[in-house]
PDB file of N, CA and C in Angstrom:
ATOM      1  N   MET A   1       1.772   5.958 -25.421  1.00  0.00           N
ATOM      2  CA  MET A   1       0.898   5.896 -24.169  1.00  0.00           C
ATOM      3  C   MET A   1       1.863   4.360 -23.658  1.00  0.00           C
ATOM      4  N   ALA A   2       2.342   4.290 -22.840  1.00  0.00           N
ATOM      5  CA  ALA A   2       2.790   3.257 -22.363  1.00  0.00           C
ATOM      6  C   ALA A   2       1.957   2.187 -21.706  1.00  0.00           C
ATOM      7  N   GLN A   3       1.743   1.036 -22.381  1.00  0.00           N
ATOM      8  CA  GLN A   3       0.600   0.138 -21.129  1.00  0.00           C
ATOM      9  C   GLN A   3       1.587  -0.454 -20.141  1.00  0.00           C
ATOM     10  N   LEU A   4       0.340  -0.227 -19.219  1.00  0.00           N
ATOM     11  CA  LEU A   4       0.187  -0.684 -17.769  1.00  0.00           C
ATOM     12  C   LEU A   4      -0.129  -2.253 -17.388  1.00  0.00           C
ATOM     13  N   ALA A   5       0.809  -2.839 -16.656  1.00  0.00           N
ATOM     14  CA  ALA A   5       0.720  -4.263 -16.144  1.00  0.00           C
ATOM     15  C   ALA A   5       1.066  -4.414 -14.889  1.00  0.00           C
ATOM     16  N   LYS A   6       0.664  -5.475 -14.417  1.00  0.00           N
ATOM     17  CA  LYS A   6       1.091  -6.164 -13.237  1.00  0.00           C
ATOM     18  C   LYS A   6       2.364  -5.954 -13.124  1.00  0.00           C
ATOM     19  N   GLY A   7       2.869  -5.435 -11.838  1.00  0.00           N
ATOM     20  CA  GLY A   7       4.765  -6.006 -11.499  1.00  0.00           C
ATOM     21  C   GLY A   7       5.044  -6.994 -10.843  1.00  0.00           C
ATOM     22  N   LYS A   8       6.245  -7.151 -10.682  1.00  0.00           N
ATOM     23  CA  LYS A   8       6.985  -8.531 -10.443  1.00  0.00           C
ATOM     24  C   LYS A   8       6.299  -8.721  -9.294  1.00  0.00           C
ATOM     25  N   LEU A   9       5.755  -7.732  -8.055  1.00  0.00           N
ATOM     26  CA  LEU A   9       4.946  -8.013  -7.219  1.00  0.00           C
ATOM     27  C   LEU A   9       3.977  -7.336  -7.132  1.00  0.00           C
ATOM     28  N   ASN A  10       2.886  -7.717  -6.368  1.00  0.00           N
ATOM     29  CA  ASN A  10       1.358  -7.044  -6.380  1.00  0.00           C
ATOM     30  C   ASN A  10       1.674  -6.277  -5.163  1.00  0.00           C
ATOM     31  N   PHE A  11       2.060  -4.771  -5.474  1.00  0.00           N
ATOM     32  CA  PHE A  11       2.109  -3.687  -4.308  1.00  0.00           C
ATOM     33  C   PHE A  11       0.821  -2.971  -4.065  1.00  0.00           C
ATOM     34  N   ARG A  12       0.273  -2.753  -2.830  1.00  0.00           N
ATOM     35  CA  ARG A  12      -0.815  -2.222  -2.242  1.00  0.00           C
ATOM     36  C   ARG A  12      -0.629  -0.553  -2.585  1.00  0.00           C
ATOM     37  N   CYS A  13      -1.536   0.224  -2.905  1.00  0.00           N
ATOM     38  CA  CYS A  13      -1.847   1.508  -3.275  1.00  0.00           C
ATOM     39  C   CYS A  13      -1.722   1.848  -1.419  1.00  0.00           C
ATOM     40  N   PRO A  14      -0.445   3.219  -1.181  1.00  0.00           N
ATOM     41  CA  PRO A  14      -0.584   3.512  -0.065  1.00  0.00           C
ATOM     42  C   PRO A  14      -1.521   4.155   0.268  1.00  0.00           C
ATOM     43  N   SER A  15      -1.896   5.060  -0.506  1.00  0.00           N
ATOM     44  CA  SER A  15      -3.257   6.075   0.003  1.00  0.00           C
ATOM     45  C   SER A  15      -4.417   5.354  -0.044  1.00  0.00           C
ATOM     46  N   CYS A  16      -4.753   4.484  -0.827  1.00  0.00           N
ATOM     47  CA  CYS A  16      -6.089   3.705  -0.708  1.00  0.00           C
ATOM     48  C   CYS A  16      -6.048   2.914   0.407  1.00  0.00           C
ATOM     49  N   PHE A  17      -5.059   2.129   0.819  1.00  0.00           N
ATOM     50  CA  PHE A  17      -4.613   0.836   1.862  1.00  0.00           C
ATOM     51  C   PHE A  17      -4.659   1.946   2.982  1.00  0.00           C
ATOM     52  N   MET A  18      -4.271   3.341   3.446  1.00  0.00           N
ATOM     53  CA  MET A  18      -4.450   4.087   4.456  1.00  0.00           C
ATOM     54  C   MET A  18      -6.297   3.818   4.865  1.00  0.00           C
ATOM     55  N   ARG A  19      -6.634   4.346   3.623  1.00  0.00           N
ATOM     56  CA  ARG A  19      -8.622   4.213   3.727  1.00  0.00           C
ATOM     57  C   ARG A  19      -9.017   2.911   3.768  1.00  0.00           C
ATOM     58  N   ASP A  20      -8.456   1.907   3.903  1.00  0.00           N
ATOM     59  CA  ASP A  20      -9.344   0.374   4.102  1.00  0.00           C
ATOM     60  C   ASP A  20      -9.691  -0.406   2.577  1.00  0.00           C
ATOM     61  N   LEU A  21      -8.709   0.447   1.526  1.00  0.00           N
ATOM     62  CA  LEU A  21      -9.213  -0.321   0.535  1.00  0.00           C
ATOM     63  C   LEU A  21      -7.828  -1.170   0.159  1.00  0.00           C
ATOM     64  N   ASP A  22      -7.991  -2.169  -0.370  1.00  0.00           N
ATOM     65  CA  ASP A  22      -7.264  -3.078  -1.100  1.00  0.00           C
ATOM     66  C   ASP A  22      -7.227  -2.970  -2.403  1.00  0.00           C
ATOM     67  N   ILE A  23      -6.292  -2.140  -3.175  1.00  0.00           N
ATOM     68  CA  ILE A  23      -6.393  -1.598  -4.431  1.00  0.00           C
ATOM     69  C   ILE A  23      -4.791  -2.268  -5.150  1.00  0.00           C
ATOM     70  N   ASP A  24      -4.785  -2.808  -6.231  1.00  0.00           N
ATOM     71  CA  ASP A  24      -3.090  -3.190  -6.488  1.00  0.00           C
ATOM     72  C   ASP A  24      -2.875  -2.353  -7.388  1.00  0.00           C
ATOM     73  N   MET A  25      -1.263  -1.994  -7.300  1.00  0.00           N
ATOM     74  CA  MET A  25      -1.349  -1.253  -8.134  1.00  0.00           C
ATOM     75  C   MET A  25      -0.320  -1.773  -9.708  1.00  0.00           C
ATOM     76  N   PHE A  26      -0.609  -0.774 -10.589  1.00  0.00           N
ATOM     77  CA  PHE A  26      -0.090  -1.240 -11.980  1.00  0.00           C
ATOM     78  C   PHE A  26       1.532  -0.887 -12.139  1.00  0.00           C
ATOM     79  N   TYR A  27       2.205  -1.250 -12.840  1.00  0.00           N
ATOM     80  CA  TYR A  27       3.811  -1.070 -13.000  1.00  0.00           C
ATOM     81  C   TYR A  27       3.917  -0.723 -14.622  1.00  0.00           C
ATOM     82  N   ASN A  28       4.786   0.529 -14.599  1.00  0.00           N
ATOM     83  CA  ASN A  28       5.222   1.233 -16.182  1.00  0.00           C
ATOM     84  C   ASN A  28       6.278   0.512 -16.212  1.00  0.00           C
ATOM     85  N   LYS A  29       6.586  -0.658 -17.100  1.00  0.00           N
ATOM     86  CA  LYS A  29       8.094  -0.973 -17.471  1.00  0.00           C
ATOM     87  C   LYS A  29       9.162  -0.029 -18.373  1.00  0.00           C
ATOM     88  N   ASP A  30       8.322   0.819 -18.828  1.00  0.00           N
ATOM     89  CA  ASP A  30       9.623   2.010 -19.760  1.00  0.00           C
ATOM     90  C   ASP A  30       9.834   3.079 -18.444  1.00  0.00           C
ATOM     91  N   THR A  31       9.341   3.446 -17.071  1.00  0.00           N
ATOM     92  CA  THR A  31       9.051   4.619 -16.495  1.00  0.00           C
ATOM     93  C   THR A  31      10.069   3.889 -14.666  1.00  0.00           C
ATOM     94  N   GLY A  32       9.541   2.716 -14.662  1.00  0.00           N
ATOM     95  CA  GLY A  32       9.841   1.991 -13.663  1.00  0.00           C
ATOM     96  C   GLY A  32       8.804   2.446 -12.252  1.00  0.00           C
ATOM     97  N   ILE A  33       7.548   2.936 -12.465  1.00  0.00           N
ATOM     98  CA  ILE A  33       6.921   3.722 -11.852  1.00  0.00           C
ATOM     99  C   ILE A  33       5.532   2.844 -11.496  1.00  0.00           C
ATOM    100  N   TYR A  34       4.958   2.991 -10.471  1.00  0.00           N
ATOM    101  CA  TYR A  34       4.082   2.265 -10.104  1.00  0.00           C
ATOM    102  C   TYR A  34       2.713   3.254  -9.944  1.00  0.00           C
ATOM    103  N   SER A  35       1.575   2.909 -10.413  1.00  0.00           N
ATOM    104  CA  SER A  35       0.482   3.927 -10.435  1.00  0.00           C
ATOM    105  C   SER A  35      -0.900   2.972  -9.907  1.00  0.00           C
ATOM    106  N   CYS A  36      -1.690   4.018  -9.304  1.00  0.00           N
ATOM    107  CA  CYS A  36      -3.210   3.684  -8.381  1.00  0.00           C
ATOM    108  C   CYS A  36      -4.168   3.827  -9.619  1.00  0.00           C
ATOM    109  N   ILE A  37      -4.787   3.111 -10.231  1.00  0.00           N
ATOM    110  CA  ILE A  37      -5.918   3.385 -11.095  1.00  0.00           C
ATOM    111  C   ILE A  37      -7.290   4.278 -10.278  1.00  0.00           C
ATOM    112  N   ARG A  38      -7.510   4.077  -8.951  1.00  0.00           N
ATOM    113  CA  ARG A  38      -8.272   4.472  -8.403  1.00  0.00           C
ATOM    114  C   ARG A  38      -7.897   5.681  -7.679  1.00  0.00           C
ATOM    115  N   CYS A  39      -7.183   6.173  -7.264  1.00  0.00           N
ATOM    116  CA  CYS A  39      -6.732   7.437  -6.746  1.00  0.00           C
ATOM    117  C   CYS A  39      -5.533   8.401  -7.471  1.00  0.00           C
ATOM    118  N   GLN A  40      -5.195   7.851  -8.206  1.00  0.00           N
ATOM    119  CA  GLN A  40      -4.067   8.155  -9.003  1.00  0.00           C
ATOM    120  C   GLN A  40      -2.668   8.816  -8.368  1.00  0.00           C
ATOM    121  N   TYR A  41      -2.090   7.883  -7.189  1.00  0.00           N
ATOM    122  CA  TYR A  41      -0.986   8.016  -6.924  1.00  0.00           C
ATOM    123  C   TYR A  41       0.030   7.344  -7.833  1.00  0.00           C
ATOM    124  N   ARG A  42       1.143   7.505  -7.551  1.00  0.00           N
ATOM    125  CA  ARG A  42       2.203   7.232  -8.682  1.00  0.00           C
ATOM    126  C   ARG A  42       3.518   7.522  -7.748  1.00  0.00           C
ATOM    127  N   GLY A  43       4.001   6.351  -7.892  1.00  0.00           N
ATOM    128  CA  GLY A  43       5.751   6.310  -6.952  1.00  0.00           C
ATOM    129  C   GLY A  43       6.704   4.883  -7.454  1.00  0.00           C
ATOM    130  N   THR A  44       7.689   5.398  -7.156  1.00  0.00           N
ATOM    131  CA  THR A  44       8.595   4.466  -7.045  1.00  0.00           C
ATOM    132  C   THR A  44       8.471   3.275  -6.551  1.00  0.00           C
ATOM    133  N   GLU A  45       9.081   2.141  -6.909  1.00  0.00           N
ATOM    134  CA  GLU A  45       9.123   0.761  -5.908  1.00  0.00           C
ATOM    135  C   GLU A  45       9.450   1.312  -4.319  1.00  0.00           C
ATOM    136  N   GLU A  46      10.653   2.249  -4.208  1.00  0.00           N
ATOM    137  CA  GLU A  46      11.182   2.183  -2.982  1.00  0.00           C
ATOM    138  C   GLU A  46      10.340   3.233  -2.252  1.00  0.00           C
ATOM    139  N   ASP A  47       9.345   4.076  -2.959  1.00  0.00           N
ATOM    140  CA  ASP A  47       8.565   4.968  -2.110  1.00  0.00           C
ATOM    141  C   ASP A  47       7.348   4.421  -2.067  1.00  0.00           C
ATOM    142  N   VAL A  48       6.818   3.282  -2.955  1.00  0.00           N
ATOM    143  CA  VAL A  48       5.392   2.578  -2.560  1.00  0.00           C
ATOM    144  C   VAL A  48       5.943   1.640  -1.164  1.00  0.00           C
ATOM    145  N   LEU A  49       7.104   1.336  -0.870  1.00  0.00           N
ATOM    146  CA  LEU A  49       7.442   0.134   0.336  1.00  0.00           C
ATOM    147  C   LEU A  49       7.293   1.018   1.444  1.00  0.00           C
ATOM    148  N   GLU A  50       7.909   2.286   1.301  1.00  0.00           N
ATOM    149  CA  GLU A  50       8.225   2.894   2.571  1.00  0.00           C
ATOM    150  C   GLU A  50       6.827   3.580   2.725  1.00  0.00           C
ATOM    151  N   LYS A  51       6.278   3.618   2.166  1.00  0.00           N
ATOM    152  CA  LYS A  51       4.636   4.578   2.286  1.00  0.00           C
ATOM    153  C   LYS A  51       3.618   3.236   2.977  1.00  0.00           C
ATOM    154  N   ASN A  52       3.770   1.864   2.494  1.00  0.00           N
ATOM    155  CA  ASN A  52       3.268   0.871   3.042  1.00  0.00           C
ATOM    156  C   ASN A  52       3.521   0.321   4.381  1.00  0.00           C
ATOM    157  N   GLU A  53       4.704   0.780   5.001  1.00  0.00           N
ATOM    158  CA  GLU A  53       5.313   0.071   5.810  1.00  0.00           C
ATOM    159  C   GLU A  53       4.501   1.247   7.298  1.00  0.00           C
ATOM    160  N   LEU A  54       4.541   2.724   6.650  1.00  0.00           N
ATOM    161  CA  LEU A  54       3.974   3.471   7.567  1.00  0.00           C
ATOM    162  C   LEU A  54       2.259   3.094   8.153  1.00  0.00           C
ATOM    163  N   VAL A  55       1.823   2.648   7.152  1.00  0.00           N
ATOM    164  CA  VAL A  55       0.490   2.054   6.950  1.00  0.00           C
ATOM    165  C   VAL A  55       0.433   0.783   7.627  1.00  0.00           C
ATOM    166  N   ARG A  56       1.331   0.178   7.836  1.00  0.00           N
ATOM    167  CA  ARG A  56       1.211  -1.072   9.045  1.00  0.00           C
ATOM    168  C   ARG A  56       1.148  -0.947  10.493  1.00  0.00           C
ATOM    169  N   VAL A  57       1.696   0.195  10.472  1.00  0.00           N
ATOM    170  CA  VAL A  57       1.552   0.674  12.314  1.00  0.00           C
ATOM    171  C   VAL A  57       0.266   0.850  12.435  1.00  0.00           C
ATOM    172  N   ARG A  58      -1.151   0.674  11.696  1.00  0.00           N
ATOM    173  CA  ARG A  58      -2.129   0.443  12.465  1.00  0.00           C
ATOM    174  C   ARG A  58      -2.393  -0.609  12.612  1.00  0.00           C
ATOM    175  N   TYR A  59      -2.001  -2.229  12.379  1.00  0.00           N
ATOM    176  CA  TYR A  59      -2.281  -3.445  12.445  1.00  0.00           C
ATOM    177  C   TYR A  59      -1.028  -3.850  13.193  1.00  0.00           C
ATOM    178  N   GLY A  60      -0.150  -3.304  13.615  1.00  0.00           N
ATOM    179  CA  GLY A  60       0.840  -3.529  14.832  1.00  0.00           C
ATOM    180  C   GLY A  60       0.279  -4.246  15.897  1.00  0.00           C
ATOM    181  N   ALA A  61      -0.898  -4.465  16.112  1.00  0.00           N
ATOM    182  CA  ALA A  61      -1.294  -4.995  17.423  1.00  0.00           C
ATOM    183  C   ALA A  61      -2.178  -6.116  17.073  1.00  0.00           C
ATOM    184  N   MET A  62      -2.279  -6.255  15.617  1.00  0.00           N
ATOM    185  CA  MET A  62      -3.488  -7.409  14.998  1.00  0.00           C
ATOM    186  C   MET A  62      -3.619  -8.783  15.848  1.00  0.00           C
ATOM    187  N   TYR A  63      -1.862  -9.347  15.979  1.00  0.00           N
ATOM    188  CA  TYR A  63      -2.267 -10.518  16.634  1.00  0.00           C
ATOM    189  C   TYR A  63      -2.219 -10.678  17.988  1.00  0.00           C
ATOM    190  N   GLU A  64      -2.224  -9.647  18.887  1.00  0.00           N
ATOM    191  CA  GLU A  64      -2.071  -9.455  20.276  1.00  0.00           C
ATOM    192  C   GLU A  64      -3.425  -9.905  20.965  1.00  0.00           C
ATOM    193  N   ARG A  65      -3.622 -10.612  21.738  1.00  0.00           N
ATOM    194  CA  ARG A  65      -4.906 -11.061  22.524  1.00  0.00           C
ATOM    195  C   ARG A  65      -4.971  -9.907  23.858  1.00  0.00           C
ATOM    196  N   PHE A  66      -6.252  -8.991  24.211  1.00  0.00           N
ATOM    197  CA  PHE A  66      -6.329  -7.824  24.971  1.00  0.00           C
ATOM    198  C   PHE A  66      -6.974  -8.973  25.786  1.00  0.00           C
ATOM    199  N   THR A  67      -6.574  -9.014  27.157  1.00  0.00           N
ATOM    200  CA  THR A  67      -7.234  -9.485  28.268  1.00  0.00           C
ATOM    201  C   THR A  67      -7.792  -8.708  29.143  1.00  0.00           C
ATOM    202  N   LYS A  68      -6.892  -7.494  29.425  1.00  0.00           N
ATOM    203  CA  LYS A  68      -7.064  -6.593  30.910  1.00  0.00           C
ATOM    204  C   LYS A  68      -7.280  -5.492  29.852  1.00  0.00           C
ATOM    205  N   PHE A  69      -8.433  -4.581  30.499  1.00  0.00           N
ATOM    206  CA  PHE A  69      -8.704  -3.435  29.956  1.00  0.00           C
ATOM    207  C   PHE A  69      -8.722  -2.360  31.528  1.00  0.00           C
ATOM    208  N   ASP A  70      -7.911  -1.436  31.486  1.00  0.00           N
ATOM    209  CA  ASP A  70      -7.844  -0.328  32.290  1.00  0.00           C
ATOM    210  C   ASP A  70      -7.807   1.145  31.604  1.00  0.00           C
ATOM    211  N   PHE A  71      -9.268   1.382  31.800  1.00  0.00           N
ATOM    212  CA  PHE A  71      -9.612   2.368  31.493  1.00  0.00           C
ATOM    213  C   PHE A  71      -9.724   3.447  32.462  1.00  0.00           C
ATOM    214  N   ASP A  72      -9.664   2.940  33.477  1.00  0.00           N
ATOM    215  CA  ASP A  72      -9.909   3.914  34.745  1.00  0.00           C
ATOM    216  C   ASP A  72      -8.677   4.542  35.300  1.00  0.00           C
TER     217      ASP A  72
END
């Protein structure tokens, strides 16, 4: 069995990140696949980056200040 290690960059697991859990993924050098030890998510670097961009939509207005509330 291949040993998993931290990759060149620390990626967050997209599945856990959608549930507001900040879990780093481990990298398998032999297969080039990142995996999460908490939820069993597995994917390539491109797949992980693509899904993390989908999650960032939730935080799109994080740096905006809302001063007017028109709920009527």
